[in-house]
Amino acid sequence: MNNSVSSASPWQGSWEVVIGLEIHAQLATRSKIFSGASTAYGAEPNT
C-alpha cells in the first residue's frame, strides 16, 4: 500500500492568499469624526 503524497500539482503557484482584517468602532461623540455633522438620530445628512 502506497501512502505517499505527491507535491506536484498543476494548480501550484496559481493562487495568492490574501488575508484582511476589518475593524468597526462606535465613537461616543456628538459630531462625526471627519466633519462637523451631528450624530443625532434624525439629524440632517452631511451631503
Protein backbone atom coordinates (compact mmCIF):
# COMPACT_ATOMS: atom_id res chain seq x y z
CA MET A 1 0.00 0.00 0.00
CA ASN A 2 1.48 3.34 -1.05
CA ASN A 3 0.55 6.27 1.25
CA SER A 4 2.88 8.87 -0.25
CA VAL A 5 1.51 12.27 -1.22
CA SER A 6 2.75 13.98 -4.34
CA SER A 7 3.53 17.69 -4.01
CA ALA A 8 3.43 18.23 -7.78
CA SER A 9 0.17 19.94 -8.65
CA PRO A 10 -0.97 21.69 -11.84
CA TRP A 11 -2.54 24.42 -9.61
CA GLN A 12 0.59 25.10 -7.60
CA GLY A 13 1.59 28.78 -7.74
CA SER A 14 -1.56 30.00 -9.47
CA TRP A 15 -3.26 31.31 -6.31
CA GLU A 16 -2.26 34.11 -3.96
CA VAL A 17 -3.54 34.05 -0.39
CA VAL A 18 -4.74 37.44 0.87
CA ILE A 19 -5.94 37.82 4.46
CA GLY A 20 -7.59 41.04 5.63
CA LEU A 21 -8.84 42.46 8.90
CA GLU A 22 -11.80 44.81 9.21
CA ILE A 23 -12.46 46.66 12.46
CA HIS A 24 -15.60 48.60 13.39
CA ALA A 25 -15.71 51.07 16.25
CA GLN A 26 -18.50 53.23 17.63
CA LEU A 27 -17.29 56.56 18.99
CA ALA A 28 -19.14 58.38 21.77
CA THR A 29 -19.01 61.82 20.12
CA ARG A 30 -21.65 64.44 19.29
CA SER A 31 -20.25 65.06 15.80
CA LYS A 32 -18.88 62.85 13.06
CA ILE A 33 -15.14 62.24 13.05
CA PHE A 34 -14.32 63.79 9.62
CA SER A 35 -16.99 66.52 9.55
CA GLY A 36 -18.91 68.70 11.94
CA ALA A 37 -22.20 66.92 11.14
CA SER A 38 -24.30 65.78 14.07
CA THR A 39 -24.52 62.12 15.02
CA ALA A 40 -28.03 62.55 16.46
CA TYR A 41 -30.68 60.19 15.07
CA GLY A 42 -32.81 62.02 12.50
CA ALA A 43 -30.29 64.85 12.03
CA GLU A 44 -29.74 66.38 8.59
CA PRO A 45 -27.39 64.36 6.35
CA ASN A 46 -23.92 65.78 5.70
CA THR A 47 -24.18 65.89 1.91
